[in-house]
Every structure is written in C-alpha cells, then in structure tokens.
Amino acid sequence: MKVTVVGAGAVGASCAEYIAMKNFASEVVLLDIKEGYAEGKAMDLMQTASLNGFDTKITGSTSDYSKTAGSNIAVITSGIPRKPGMTREELIGINAGIVKTVASSLLEHSPDVILIVVSNPMDTMTYLVHKSTGIPKHRIIGMGGALDSARFKYRLAEALEAPISDVDGMVIGGHSDTGMVPLISHATRNSIKVSEFLSKDRMQQVVEDTKVGGATLTKLLGTSAWYAPGAAVSSLVQAIACDQKKMFPCSSMLEGEFGLKDICIGVPVLLGKNGIEKIVEIELSDAEKSKMKESAEGVGKTNGLLDV
C-alpha cells in the first residue's frame, strides 16, 4: 500500500506521521515544491521509526511526481493556509490553480489513485477535482466532515464532562464557519441522547463552538491547525487502505442524495477499498434540512467563482 501526501507543511507532515505510526502502509511519499523541504521532513520522520515502532518507509521529493507512481491513495494538502481573520473562501483564487495542477500530475503517474482533498475551501476544491479530472466520483473524497466531527465530539465531551470515548456525534454540510451542520439531535453519550444531560442553551453553545472550531485555532495559533486535520486524514486513508467500510462524513459529489445535485458537500459515507462505497442518507429534522440547504447554497456560490 503506497500513499502520497502532496504538501509537506504542518498538515501534510502530521498526516504522514500518523499514517506511518499506524503501520498499515508500506510507503508514504511526501512531495513539496520547496527545495529539500519534503526530503527533510521525511528524514526527520524516519528517524522516529525505531522510537515509535513503525516500519512504514517515508520518502520525500521536490516536485518529482514520478516518485508518486503507483500510489493507491493520494492526499492533497497543497495551498496556502488560513491566516487570522481570513475565511476559507478567500483562499480560492490561489488554491484552485494549485489543486488542479496537483490532481492532474498525480493521475498522470497513478491513474487509479483515490484522491483525498484537504486544501481549502475544501468542498469547492473537491468539486474542482471532479470537474477537472473526470474520474469516477467514488475516487474523490473531501476530508472536512471527519475533522469537524472530531471537533464536535471534543466540545460535546467538554460540555458533558465525559470521556470522549463515551461520546458520538456527526457534522454534515459545508466545511466552513457558516456552513457546518452539527447534528446535535443525533449526538449521544453511550447511546443516550445528549439532550438528557445538557440544556438547550448548552447544546447550542456546543454547536456554535464547533462551527468556529477552525477559526478559534487559527486565532490562537496564527495559522491553520495541523494535529487534528492530520489525524482526520490518516483515519480516512486507513479506512480505505484496510477496507474497513467505516462511516465518516465526507465531502462527496451528490446526484440527488439529500435533495442536492452537482455539488460536493459533507454527508455520511462508508469508506472502503474503492473509496466512497456508499452515501448514507439519514433522516434530518426540518431545521437540519433547512440548514443543509443554506449550507449548499453557500458552497454553490463559492463554486461559482471557479473557472471550470
């Protein structure tokens, strides 16, 4: 199992580290445009192998896509990260050209590769990959919902004062501060709805804190977060590589599901060896349906800025 990660910055390097430590891939290739950067990150990570107990080989390359040949899965993290006060949507002009070139270069050397898109604005970049490559939709996956759901569970556990292993919850919709739809009505603690434990006001606070989870970290760190995004990507990669049929909310091309068409947005999917094995349609309340529609309209407007 060969995995390529394009972009050796904080998110890409964290992604490579988590994949290697889980020890399910034979090789991880890190690629970056900055001379020597990916090679240095790969060397540094390989020097942790004996300490962290993994045998995955990590190699680095400066812009040489031939090194990625034969990749089963490729992760696109390329692009500039958010700065404080910057929305994900403001990145579109710069990142669209980068993502389009990266996807094309990957497919040239690995025509059967499954692509995981992380670059922001993530839903729109995922849509761009669909429109620019024309490969089957099950092989193009946007990462955002898996990360947003992890942040949702963190906030739920915080509010419940519970171990995070007790908590389950999911975020669908667009990967943006205004587009996320945390499904608080479906959230549970050991199969018991969180509404049994939390007031309406506290639940609403959890929802709002989740929606600005990325912006909160960007303000604190001065740039985008990397540990949780890297972990989220590694979980998606593992689900595909190990054919786990595991459910995650991921940005997927919809063709009528949830009443939406010709849009990539976060919905529950089953991930296995073929990528997206199934889109899982779940029952939404009227309020959730309304929020999902609003989210899709926002993503659609951003998609309209693309030159496709």
C-alpha atoms as a PDB file:
ATOM      1  CA  MET A   1       0.000   0.000   0.000  1.00  0.00           C
ATOM      2  CA  LYS A   2       1.556   3.253  -1.203  1.00  0.00           C
ATOM      3  CA  VAL A   3       0.238   6.613  -0.063  1.00  0.00           C
ATOM      4  CA  THR A   4       1.294  10.007  -1.368  1.00  0.00           C
ATOM      5  CA  VAL A   5       0.846  13.250   0.563  1.00  0.00           C
ATOM      6  CA  VAL A   6       1.264  16.393  -1.540  1.00  0.00           C
ATOM      7  CA  GLY A   7       2.240  19.351   0.620  1.00  0.00           C
ATOM      8  CA  ALA A   8       4.830  18.753   3.346  1.00  0.00           C
ATOM      9  CA  GLY A   9       3.691  21.586   5.578  1.00  0.00           C
ATOM     10  CA  ALA A  10       2.294  21.095   9.062  1.00  0.00           C
ATOM     11  CA  VAL A  11      -0.889  19.290   7.959  1.00  0.00           C
ATOM     12  CA  GLY A  12       0.827  17.119   5.361  1.00  0.00           C
ATOM     13  CA  ALA A  13       3.660  16.137   7.688  1.00  0.00           C
ATOM     14  CA  SER A  14       1.237  15.325  10.516  1.00  0.00           C
ATOM     15  CA  CYS A  15      -0.792  13.234   8.104  1.00  0.00           C
ATOM     16  CA  ALA A  16       2.313  11.305   7.017  1.00  0.00           C
ATOM     17  CA  GLU A  17       3.368  10.806  10.640  1.00  0.00           C
ATOM     18  CA  TYR A  18       0.009   9.396  11.749  1.00  0.00           C
ATOM     19  CA  ILE A  19      -0.230   7.102   8.709  1.00  0.00           C
ATOM     20  CA  ALA A  20       3.273   5.767   9.367  1.00  0.00           C
ATOM     21  CA  MET A  21       2.634   5.228  13.076  1.00  0.00           C
ATOM     22  CA  LYS A  22      -0.499   3.199  12.330  1.00  0.00           C
ATOM     23  CA  ASN A  23       1.767   0.872  10.306  1.00  0.00           C
ATOM     24  CA  PHE A  24      -0.731  -0.177   7.605  1.00  0.00           C
ATOM     25  CA  ALA A  25       1.088   1.384   4.617  1.00  0.00           C
ATOM     26  CA  SER A  26       4.316   0.079   3.108  1.00  0.00           C
ATOM     27  CA  GLU A  27       5.363   3.520   1.850  1.00  0.00           C
ATOM     28  CA  VAL A  28       4.417   7.161   2.290  1.00  0.00           C
ATOM     29  CA  VAL A  29       5.732   9.703  -0.222  1.00  0.00           C
ATOM     30  CA  LEU A  30       5.857  13.350   0.847  1.00  0.00           C
ATOM     31  CA  LEU A  31       6.042  15.864  -2.007  1.00  0.00           C
ATOM     32  CA  ASP A  32       6.502  19.633  -1.895  1.00  0.00           C
ATOM     33  CA  ILE A  33       7.563  22.442  -4.231  1.00  0.00           C
ATOM     34  CA  LYS A  34      10.055  23.908  -1.732  1.00  0.00           C
ATOM     35  CA  GLU A  35      13.533  22.561  -2.456  1.00  0.00           C
ATOM     36  CA  GLY A  36      14.608  19.943   0.081  1.00  0.00           C
ATOM     37  CA  TYR A  37      11.631  20.532   2.374  1.00  0.00           C
ATOM     38  CA  ALA A  38       9.825  17.212   1.827  1.00  0.00           C
ATOM     39  CA  GLU A  39      13.122  15.333   1.917  1.00  0.00           C
ATOM     40  CA  GLY A  40      13.953  16.923   5.264  1.00  0.00           C
ATOM     41  CA  LYS A  41      10.544  16.207   6.755  1.00  0.00           C
ATOM     42  CA  ALA A  42      10.736  12.598   5.541  1.00  0.00           C
ATOM     43  CA  MET A  43      14.188  12.117   7.026  1.00  0.00           C
ATOM     44  CA  ASP A  44      13.131  13.610  10.349  1.00  0.00           C
ATOM     45  CA  LEU A  45      10.070  11.332  10.464  1.00  0.00           C
ATOM     46  CA  MET A  46      12.099   8.250   9.533  1.00  0.00           C
ATOM     47  CA  GLN A  47      14.399   8.961  12.458  1.00  0.00           C
ATOM     48  CA  THR A  48      11.392   8.445  14.749  1.00  0.00           C
ATOM     49  CA  ALA A  49      10.640   4.973  13.310  1.00  0.00           C
ATOM     50  CA  SER A  50      12.696   2.973  15.798  1.00  0.00           C
ATOM     51  CA  LEU A  51      11.339   5.094  18.657  1.00  0.00           C
ATOM     52  CA  ASN A  52       7.690   4.923  17.605  1.00  0.00           C
ATOM     53  CA  GLY A  53       7.791   1.337  16.383  1.00  0.00           C
ATOM     54  CA  PHE A  54       6.762   1.580  12.738  1.00  0.00           C
ATOM     55  CA  ASP A  55       8.197   0.049   9.568  1.00  0.00           C
ATOM     56  CA  THR A  56       6.479   2.267   7.012  1.00  0.00           C
ATOM     57  CA  LYS A  57       9.036   3.808   4.650  1.00  0.00           C
ATOM     58  CA  ILE A  58       8.721   7.600   4.310  1.00  0.00           C
ATOM     59  CA  THR A  59      10.423   9.307   1.370  1.00  0.00           C
ATOM     60  CA  GLY A  60      10.461  12.942   0.279  1.00  0.00           C
ATOM     61  CA  SER A  61      10.599  14.586  -3.125  1.00  0.00           C
ATOM     62  CA  THR A  62      10.777  18.115  -4.508  1.00  0.00           C
ATOM     63  CA  SER A  63       8.145  18.361  -7.256  1.00  0.00           C
ATOM     64  CA  ASP A  64       9.058  14.990  -8.825  1.00  0.00           C
ATOM     65  CA  TYR A  65       5.717  13.290  -9.360  1.00  0.00           C
ATOM     66  CA  SER A  66       7.398  10.218 -10.856  1.00  0.00           C
ATOM     67  CA  LYS A  67       8.232   9.286  -7.249  1.00  0.00           C
ATOM     68  CA  THR A  68       4.491   9.045  -6.574  1.00  0.00           C
ATOM     69  CA  ALA A  69       3.906   6.458  -9.335  1.00  0.00           C
ATOM     70  CA  GLY A  70       1.754   3.516  -8.306  1.00  0.00           C
ATOM     71  CA  SER A  71       0.115   5.303  -5.383  1.00  0.00           C
ATOM     72  CA  ASN A  72      -3.102   3.708  -4.163  1.00  0.00           C
ATOM     73  CA  ILE A  73      -4.216   6.809  -2.255  1.00  0.00           C
ATOM     74  CA  ALA A  74      -3.077  10.423  -2.538  1.00  0.00           C
ATOM     75  CA  VAL A  75      -3.799  13.304  -0.188  1.00  0.00           C
ATOM     76  CA  ILE A  76      -3.824  16.879  -1.483  1.00  0.00           C
ATOM     77  CA  THR A  77      -2.973  19.384   1.248  1.00  0.00           C
ATOM     78  CA  SER A  78      -1.293  21.876  -1.124  1.00  0.00           C
ATOM     79  CA  GLY A  79      -2.102  25.563  -0.933  1.00  0.00           C
ATOM     80  CA  ILE A  80      -1.713  28.439   1.445  1.00  0.00           C
ATOM     81  CA  PRO A  81      -3.139  28.028   4.955  1.00  0.00           C
ATOM     82  CA  ARG A  82      -5.570  30.428   6.584  1.00  0.00           C
ATOM     83  CA  LYS A  83      -4.328  33.431   8.489  1.00  0.00           C
ATOM     84  CA  PRO A  84      -6.210  35.059  11.379  1.00  0.00           C
ATOM     85  CA  GLY A  85      -9.356  36.795  10.133  1.00  0.00           C
ATOM     86  CA  MET A  86      -9.242  35.002   6.776  1.00  0.00           C
ATOM     87  CA  THR A  87     -12.122  32.824   5.616  1.00  0.00           C
ATOM     88  CA  ARG A  88     -11.591  29.525   3.806  1.00  0.00           C
ATOM     89  CA  GLU A  89     -13.389  31.033   0.803  1.00  0.00           C
ATOM     90  CA  GLU A  90     -10.783  33.805   0.457  1.00  0.00           C
ATOM     91  CA  LEU A  91      -8.218  31.159  -0.450  1.00  0.00           C
ATOM     92  CA  ILE A  92      -9.994  30.065  -3.623  1.00  0.00           C
ATOM     93  CA  GLY A  93      -8.141  32.206  -6.155  1.00  0.00           C
ATOM     94  CA  ILE A  94      -4.732  30.941  -5.076  1.00  0.00           C
ATOM     95  CA  ASN A  95      -5.515  27.347  -4.180  1.00  0.00           C
ATOM     96  CA  ALA A  96      -7.689  26.436  -7.190  1.00  0.00           C
ATOM     97  CA  GLY A  97      -4.781  26.565  -9.632  1.00  0.00           C
ATOM     98  CA  ILE A  98      -2.547  24.613  -7.274  1.00  0.00           C
ATOM     99  CA  VAL A  99      -5.083  21.839  -6.625  1.00  0.00           C
ATOM    100  CA  LYS A 100      -5.960  21.431 -10.312  1.00  0.00           C
ATOM    101  CA  THR A 101      -2.283  21.020 -11.262  1.00  0.00           C
ATOM    102  CA  VAL A 102      -1.586  18.613  -8.390  1.00  0.00           C
ATOM    103  CA  ALA A 103      -4.568  16.361  -9.202  1.00  0.00           C
ATOM    104  CA  SER A 104      -3.571  16.183 -12.864  1.00  0.00           C
ATOM    105  CA  SER A 105       0.056  15.371 -12.021  1.00  0.00           C
ATOM    106  CA  LEU A 106      -0.932  12.622  -9.592  1.00  0.00           C
ATOM    107  CA  LEU A 107      -3.257  10.963 -12.094  1.00  0.00           C
ATOM    108  CA  GLU A 108      -0.574  11.053 -14.776  1.00  0.00           C
ATOM    109  CA  HIS A 109       1.558   8.692 -12.693  1.00  0.00           C
ATOM    110  CA  SER A 110      -1.170   6.824 -10.761  1.00  0.00           C
ATOM    111  CA  PRO A 111      -4.279   6.643 -12.975  1.00  0.00           C
ATOM    112  CA  ASP A 112      -6.236   4.500 -10.497  1.00  0.00           C
ATOM    113  CA  VAL A 113      -5.418   6.563  -7.408  1.00  0.00           C
ATOM    114  CA  ILE A 114      -8.077   7.562  -4.854  1.00  0.00           C
ATOM    115  CA  LEU A 115      -7.814  11.289  -4.078  1.00  0.00           C
ATOM    116  CA  ILE A 116      -8.463  12.874  -0.684  1.00  0.00           C
ATOM    117  CA  VAL A 117      -8.774  16.667  -0.836  1.00  0.00           C
ATOM    118  CA  VAL A 118      -7.818  18.752   2.197  1.00  0.00           C
ATOM    119  CA  SER A 119      -6.990  22.132   0.614  1.00  0.00           C
ATOM    120  CA  ASN A 120      -9.397  24.978   1.393  1.00  0.00           C
ATOM    121  CA  PRO A 121     -12.070  25.920   0.559  1.00  0.00           C
ATOM    122  CA  MET A 122     -12.359  22.150   0.780  1.00  0.00           C
ATOM    123  CA  ASP A 123     -15.828  21.496  -0.677  1.00  0.00           C
ATOM    124  CA  THR A 124     -15.108  23.715  -3.658  1.00  0.00           C
ATOM    125  CA  MET A 125     -11.645  22.211  -4.187  1.00  0.00           C
ATOM    126  CA  THR A 126     -13.239  18.742  -4.128  1.00  0.00           C
ATOM    127  CA  TYR A 127     -15.774  19.916  -6.722  1.00  0.00           C
ATOM    128  CA  LEU A 128     -12.920  21.315  -8.823  1.00  0.00           C
ATOM    129  CA  VAL A 129     -11.133  17.944  -8.803  1.00  0.00           C
ATOM    130  CA  HIS A 130     -14.332  16.274 -10.024  1.00  0.00           C
ATOM    131  CA  LYS A 131     -14.804  18.756 -12.857  1.00  0.00           C
ATOM    132  CA  SER A 132     -11.154  18.931 -13.926  1.00  0.00           C
ATOM    133  CA  THR A 133     -10.298  15.208 -13.824  1.00  0.00           C
ATOM    134  CA  GLY A 134     -13.498  13.406 -14.767  1.00  0.00           C
ATOM    135  CA  ILE A 135     -12.529  10.294 -12.779  1.00  0.00           C
ATOM    136  CA  PRO A 136     -15.295   8.256 -11.072  1.00  0.00           C
ATOM    137  CA  LYS A 137     -16.876  10.119  -8.182  1.00  0.00           C
ATOM    138  CA  HIS A 138     -16.207   7.383  -5.640  1.00  0.00           C
ATOM    139  CA  ARG A 139     -12.472   8.066  -6.002  1.00  0.00           C
ATOM    140  CA  ILE A 140     -12.672  11.750  -4.940  1.00  0.00           C
ATOM    141  CA  ILE A 141     -13.202  12.500  -1.251  1.00  0.00           C
ATOM    142  CA  GLY A 142     -13.204  15.778   0.663  1.00  0.00           C
ATOM    143  CA  MET A 143     -11.863  15.496   4.206  1.00  0.00           C
ATOM    144  CA  GLY A 144     -13.676  18.273   6.141  1.00  0.00           C
ATOM    145  CA  GLY A 145     -16.543  16.466   7.863  1.00  0.00           C
ATOM    146  CA  ALA A 146     -14.271  13.978   9.602  1.00  0.00           C
ATOM    147  CA  LEU A 147     -12.325  16.842  11.183  1.00  0.00           C
ATOM    148  CA  ASP A 148     -15.441  18.859  12.037  1.00  0.00           C
ATOM    149  CA  SER A 149     -16.999  15.807  13.683  1.00  0.00           C
ATOM    150  CA  ALA A 150     -13.873  15.258  15.799  1.00  0.00           C
ATOM    151  CA  ARG A 151     -14.121  18.859  16.950  1.00  0.00           C
ATOM    152  CA  PHE A 152     -17.829  18.371  17.664  1.00  0.00           C
ATOM    153  CA  LYS A 153     -17.085  15.349  19.867  1.00  0.00           C
ATOM    154  CA  TYR A 154     -14.407  17.324  21.693  1.00  0.00           C
ATOM    155  CA  ARG A 155     -16.916  20.067  22.506  1.00  0.00           C
ATOM    156  CA  LEU A 156     -19.586  17.521  23.473  1.00  0.00           C
ATOM    157  CA  ALA A 157     -17.217  15.729  25.857  1.00  0.00           C
ATOM    158  CA  GLU A 158     -16.206  19.082  27.318  1.00  0.00           C
ATOM    159  CA  ALA A 159     -19.830  20.057  27.943  1.00  0.00           C
ATOM    160  CA  LEU A 160     -20.763  16.637  29.339  1.00  0.00           C
ATOM    161  CA  GLU A 161     -17.573  16.421  31.429  1.00  0.00           C
ATOM    162  CA  ALA A 162     -17.306  12.927  29.974  1.00  0.00           C
ATOM    163  CA  PRO A 163     -14.534  10.811  28.452  1.00  0.00           C
ATOM    164  CA  ILE A 164     -14.510  11.410  24.724  1.00  0.00           C
ATOM    165  CA  SER A 165     -14.853   7.646  24.159  1.00  0.00           C
ATOM    166  CA  ASP A 166     -18.368   7.949  25.649  1.00  0.00           C
ATOM    167  CA  VAL A 167     -19.432  10.479  23.038  1.00  0.00           C
ATOM    168  CA  ASP A 168     -20.620  10.176  19.450  1.00  0.00           C
ATOM    169  CA  GLY A 169     -21.714  12.900  17.041  1.00  0.00           C
ATOM    170  CA  MET A 170     -21.505  13.969  13.430  1.00  0.00           C
ATOM    171  CA  VAL A 171     -21.190  17.183  11.445  1.00  0.00           C
ATOM    172  CA  ILE A 172     -22.511  17.352   7.881  1.00  0.00           C
ATOM    173  CA  GLY A 173     -22.790  20.261   5.432  1.00  0.00           C
ATOM    174  CA  GLY A 174     -20.096  22.591   4.175  1.00  0.00           C
ATOM    175  CA  HIS A 175     -16.655  22.806   5.738  1.00  0.00           C
ATOM    176  CA  SER A 176     -16.958  26.475   6.671  1.00  0.00           C
ATOM    177  CA  ASP A 177     -17.765  28.541   9.730  1.00  0.00           C
ATOM    178  CA  THR A 178     -21.279  29.235   8.451  1.00  0.00           C
ATOM    179  CA  GLY A 179     -21.913  26.018   6.522  1.00  0.00           C
ATOM    180  CA  MET A 180     -21.400  23.328   9.151  1.00  0.00           C
ATOM    181  CA  VAL A 181     -24.461  21.440  10.381  1.00  0.00           C
ATOM    182  CA  PRO A 182     -23.593  19.738  13.690  1.00  0.00           C
ATOM    183  CA  LEU A 183     -26.311  17.116  14.227  1.00  0.00           C
ATOM    184  CA  ILE A 184     -26.913  17.825  17.892  1.00  0.00           C
ATOM    185  CA  SER A 185     -30.241  15.974  17.817  1.00  0.00           C
ATOM    186  CA  HIS A 186     -28.370  12.778  16.852  1.00  0.00           C
ATOM    187  CA  ALA A 187     -25.482  13.225  19.317  1.00  0.00           C
ATOM    188  CA  THR A 188     -25.230  10.642  22.095  1.00  0.00           C
ATOM    189  CA  ARG A 189     -23.388   9.618  25.215  1.00  0.00           C
ATOM    190  CA  ASN A 190     -23.283   5.813  25.305  1.00  0.00           C
ATOM    191  CA  SER A 191     -26.363   5.681  23.040  1.00  0.00           C
ATOM    192  CA  ILE A 192     -28.316   8.133  25.235  1.00  0.00           C
ATOM    193  CA  LYS A 193     -29.163  11.441  23.555  1.00  0.00           C
ATOM    194  CA  VAL A 194     -27.133  14.330  24.940  1.00  0.00           C
ATOM    195  CA  SER A 195     -30.383  16.263  25.446  1.00  0.00           C
ATOM    196  CA  GLU A 196     -30.862  14.036  28.512  1.00  0.00           C
ATOM    197  CA  PHE A 197     -27.763  15.615  30.042  1.00  0.00           C
ATOM    198  CA  LEU A 198     -27.477  19.137  28.609  1.00  0.00           C
ATOM    199  CA  SER A 199     -29.761  22.149  28.478  1.00  0.00           C
ATOM    200  CA  LYS A 200     -30.860  23.599  25.139  1.00  0.00           C
ATOM    201  CA  ASP A 201     -28.618  26.604  25.713  1.00  0.00           C
ATOM    202  CA  ARG A 202     -25.597  24.428  26.450  1.00  0.00           C
ATOM    203  CA  MET A 203     -26.243  22.282  23.381  1.00  0.00           C
ATOM    204  CA  GLN A 204     -26.494  25.397  21.230  1.00  0.00           C
ATOM    205  CA  GLN A 205     -23.195  26.610  22.646  1.00  0.00           C
ATOM    206  CA  VAL A 206     -21.597  23.302  21.656  1.00  0.00           C
ATOM    207  CA  VAL A 207     -22.938  23.766  18.124  1.00  0.00           C
ATOM    208  CA  GLU A 208     -21.625  27.314  17.834  1.00  0.00           C
ATOM    209  CA  ASP A 209     -18.214  26.428  19.288  1.00  0.00           C
ATOM    210  CA  THR A 210     -17.932  23.568  16.800  1.00  0.00           C
ATOM    211  CA  LYS A 211     -18.737  25.780  13.814  1.00  0.00           C
ATOM    212  CA  VAL A 212     -15.918  28.204  14.649  1.00  0.00           C
ATOM    213  CA  GLY A 213     -13.525  25.446  15.697  1.00  0.00           C
ATOM    214  CA  GLY A 214     -11.052  26.138  12.901  1.00  0.00           C
ATOM    215  CA  ALA A 215     -11.233  29.907  13.246  1.00  0.00           C
ATOM    216  CA  THR A 216     -10.684  29.625  17.023  1.00  0.00           C
ATOM    217  CA  LEU A 217      -7.476  27.673  16.467  1.00  0.00           C
ATOM    218  CA  THR A 218      -6.298  29.966  13.668  1.00  0.00           C
ATOM    219  CA  LYS A 219      -6.661  32.937  16.007  1.00  0.00           C
ATOM    220  CA  LEU A 220      -4.728  31.167  18.765  1.00  0.00           C
ATOM    221  CA  LEU A 221      -2.003  29.679  16.566  1.00  0.00           C
ATOM    222  CA  GLY A 222      -1.669  32.386  13.928  1.00  0.00           C
ATOM    223  CA  THR A 223      -2.199  29.759  11.205  1.00  0.00           C
ATOM    224  CA  SER A 224      -4.347  26.716  10.493  1.00  0.00           C
ATOM    225  CA  ALA A 225      -4.336  23.773  12.897  1.00  0.00           C
ATOM    226  CA  TRP A 226      -2.465  20.595  11.923  1.00  0.00           C
ATOM    227  CA  TYR A 227      -2.682  17.796  14.526  1.00  0.00           C
ATOM    228  CA  ALA A 228      -6.423  17.115  14.238  1.00  0.00           C
ATOM    229  CA  PRO A 229      -6.514  17.635  10.443  1.00  0.00           C
ATOM    230  CA  GLY A 230      -3.604  15.213  10.056  1.00  0.00           C
ATOM    231  CA  ALA A 231      -5.291  12.653  12.296  1.00  0.00           C
ATOM    232  CA  ALA A 232      -8.580  13.026  10.417  1.00  0.00           C
ATOM    233  CA  VAL A 233      -6.872  12.404   7.072  1.00  0.00           C
ATOM    234  CA  SER A 234      -4.994   9.376   8.407  1.00  0.00           C
ATOM    235  CA  SER A 235      -8.285   7.858   9.593  1.00  0.00           C
ATOM    236  CA  LEU A 236      -9.802   8.226   6.118  1.00  0.00           C
ATOM    237  CA  VAL A 237      -6.694   6.752   4.497  1.00  0.00           C
ATOM    238  CA  GLN A 238      -6.715   3.800   6.900  1.00  0.00           C
ATOM    239  CA  ALA A 239     -10.421   3.119   6.303  1.00  0.00           C
ATOM    240  CA  ILE A 240      -9.736   2.897   2.555  1.00  0.00           C
ATOM    241  CA  ALA A 241      -6.423   1.032   2.758  1.00  0.00           C
ATOM    242  CA  CYS A 242      -7.782  -1.560   5.194  1.00  0.00           C
ATOM    243  CA  ASP A 243     -11.226  -1.797   3.527  1.00  0.00           C
ATOM    244  CA  GLN A 244     -12.909  -1.030   6.855  1.00  0.00           C
ATOM    245  CA  LYS A 245     -16.296   0.069   5.478  1.00  0.00           C
ATOM    246  CA  LYS A 246     -16.141   2.731   8.187  1.00  0.00           C
ATOM    247  CA  MET A 247     -18.575   5.653   8.269  1.00  0.00           C
ATOM    248  CA  PHE A 248     -17.340   9.232   8.118  1.00  0.00           C
ATOM    249  CA  PRO A 249     -18.969  12.455   6.958  1.00  0.00           C
ATOM    250  CA  CYS A 250     -17.009  13.417   3.840  1.00  0.00           C
ATOM    251  CA  SER A 251     -17.453  15.912   1.039  1.00  0.00           C
ATOM    252  CA  SER A 252     -18.938  13.863  -1.799  1.00  0.00           C
ATOM    253  CA  MET A 253     -20.429  14.594  -5.207  1.00  0.00           C
ATOM    254  CA  LEU A 254     -24.209  14.361  -4.810  1.00  0.00           C
ATOM    255  CA  GLU A 255     -26.603  13.386  -7.579  1.00  0.00           C
ATOM    256  CA  GLY A 256     -29.942  13.717  -5.815  1.00  0.00           C
ATOM    257  CA  GLU A 257     -28.993  12.479  -2.355  1.00  0.00           C
ATOM    258  CA  PHE A 258     -30.310  14.766   0.397  1.00  0.00           C
ATOM    259  CA  GLY A 259     -32.189  16.582  -2.383  1.00  0.00           C
ATOM    260  CA  LEU A 260     -28.956  18.070  -3.765  1.00  0.00           C
ATOM    261  CA  LYS A 261     -27.312  17.774  -7.182  1.00  0.00           C
ATOM    262  CA  ASP A 262     -23.998  18.750  -8.794  1.00  0.00           C
ATOM    263  CA  ILE A 263     -22.382  19.769  -5.526  1.00  0.00           C
ATOM    264  CA  CYS A 264     -19.734  18.388  -3.178  1.00  0.00           C
ATOM    265  CA  ILE A 265     -20.716  18.711   0.461  1.00  0.00           C
ATOM    266  CA  GLY A 266     -20.292  16.777   3.693  1.00  0.00           C
ATOM    267  CA  VAL A 267     -22.586  13.757   4.065  1.00  0.00           C
ATOM    268  CA  PRO A 268     -22.199  10.369   5.804  1.00  0.00           C
ATOM    269  CA  VAL A 269     -20.372   7.830   3.632  1.00  0.00           C
ATOM    270  CA  LEU A 270     -18.919   4.347   4.009  1.00  0.00           C
ATOM    271  CA  LEU A 271     -15.224   4.207   3.108  1.00  0.00           C
ATOM    272  CA  GLY A 272     -13.585   1.041   1.814  1.00  0.00           C
ATOM    273  CA  LYS A 273     -11.087  -0.188  -0.755  1.00  0.00           C
ATOM    274  CA  ASN A 274     -12.920   1.560  -3.609  1.00  0.00           C
ATOM    275  CA  GLY A 275     -13.098   4.909  -1.830  1.00  0.00           C
ATOM    276  CA  ILE A 276     -16.676   6.008  -1.235  1.00  0.00           C
ATOM    277  CA  GLU A 277     -18.567   2.695  -1.142  1.00  0.00           C
ATOM    278  CA  LYS A 278     -21.931   4.222  -0.267  1.00  0.00           C
ATOM    279  CA  ILE A 279     -23.547   7.533   0.581  1.00  0.00           C
ATOM    280  CA  VAL A 280     -25.728   7.035   3.650  1.00  0.00           C
ATOM    281  CA  GLU A 281     -28.907   9.100   3.659  1.00  0.00           C
ATOM    282  CA  ILE A 282     -30.112   9.782   7.185  1.00  0.00           C
ATOM    283  CA  GLU A 283     -33.319  11.328   8.450  1.00  0.00           C
ATOM    284  CA  LEU A 284     -32.952  15.036   9.172  1.00  0.00           C
ATOM    285  CA  SER A 285     -35.281  17.295  11.096  1.00  0.00           C
ATOM    286  CA  ASP A 286     -36.918  20.185   9.266  1.00  0.00           C
ATOM    287  CA  ALA A 287     -34.445  22.575  10.901  1.00  0.00           C
ATOM    288  CA  GLU A 288     -31.483  20.422   9.830  1.00  0.00           C
ATOM    289  CA  LYS A 289     -32.844  20.172   6.283  1.00  0.00           C
ATOM    290  CA  SER A 290     -33.133  23.952   6.178  1.00  0.00           C
ATOM    291  CA  LYS A 291     -29.569  24.413   7.449  1.00  0.00           C
ATOM    292  CA  MET A 292     -28.287  21.850   4.965  1.00  0.00           C
ATOM    293  CA  LYS A 293     -29.999  23.730   2.137  1.00  0.00           C
ATOM    294  CA  GLU A 294     -28.472  27.032   3.299  1.00  0.00           C
ATOM    295  CA  SER A 295     -25.068  25.372   3.514  1.00  0.00           C
ATOM    296  CA  ALA A 296     -25.381  24.006  -0.020  1.00  0.00           C
ATOM    297  CA  GLU A 297     -26.345  27.443  -1.319  1.00  0.00           C
ATOM    298  CA  GLY A 298     -23.196  28.884   0.256  1.00  0.00           C
ATOM    299  CA  VAL A 299     -20.982  26.188  -1.254  1.00  0.00           C
ATOM    300  CA  GLY A 300     -22.679  26.726  -4.621  1.00  0.00           C
ATOM    301  CA  LYS A 301     -21.835  30.428  -4.540  1.00  0.00           C
ATOM    302  CA  THR A 302     -18.183  29.658  -3.862  1.00  0.00           C
ATOM    303  CA  ASN A 303     -18.201  27.059  -6.662  1.00  0.00           C
ATOM    304  CA  GLY A 304     -19.413  29.828  -8.964  1.00  0.00           C
ATOM    305  CA  LEU A 305     -16.048  31.562  -8.532  1.00  0.00           C
ATOM    306  CA  LEU A 306     -14.260  28.634 -10.180  1.00  0.00           C
ATOM    307  CA  ASP A 307     -13.123  28.677 -13.775  1.00  0.00           C
ATOM    308  CA  VAL A 308     -14.346  25.189 -14.794  1.00  0.00           C
END
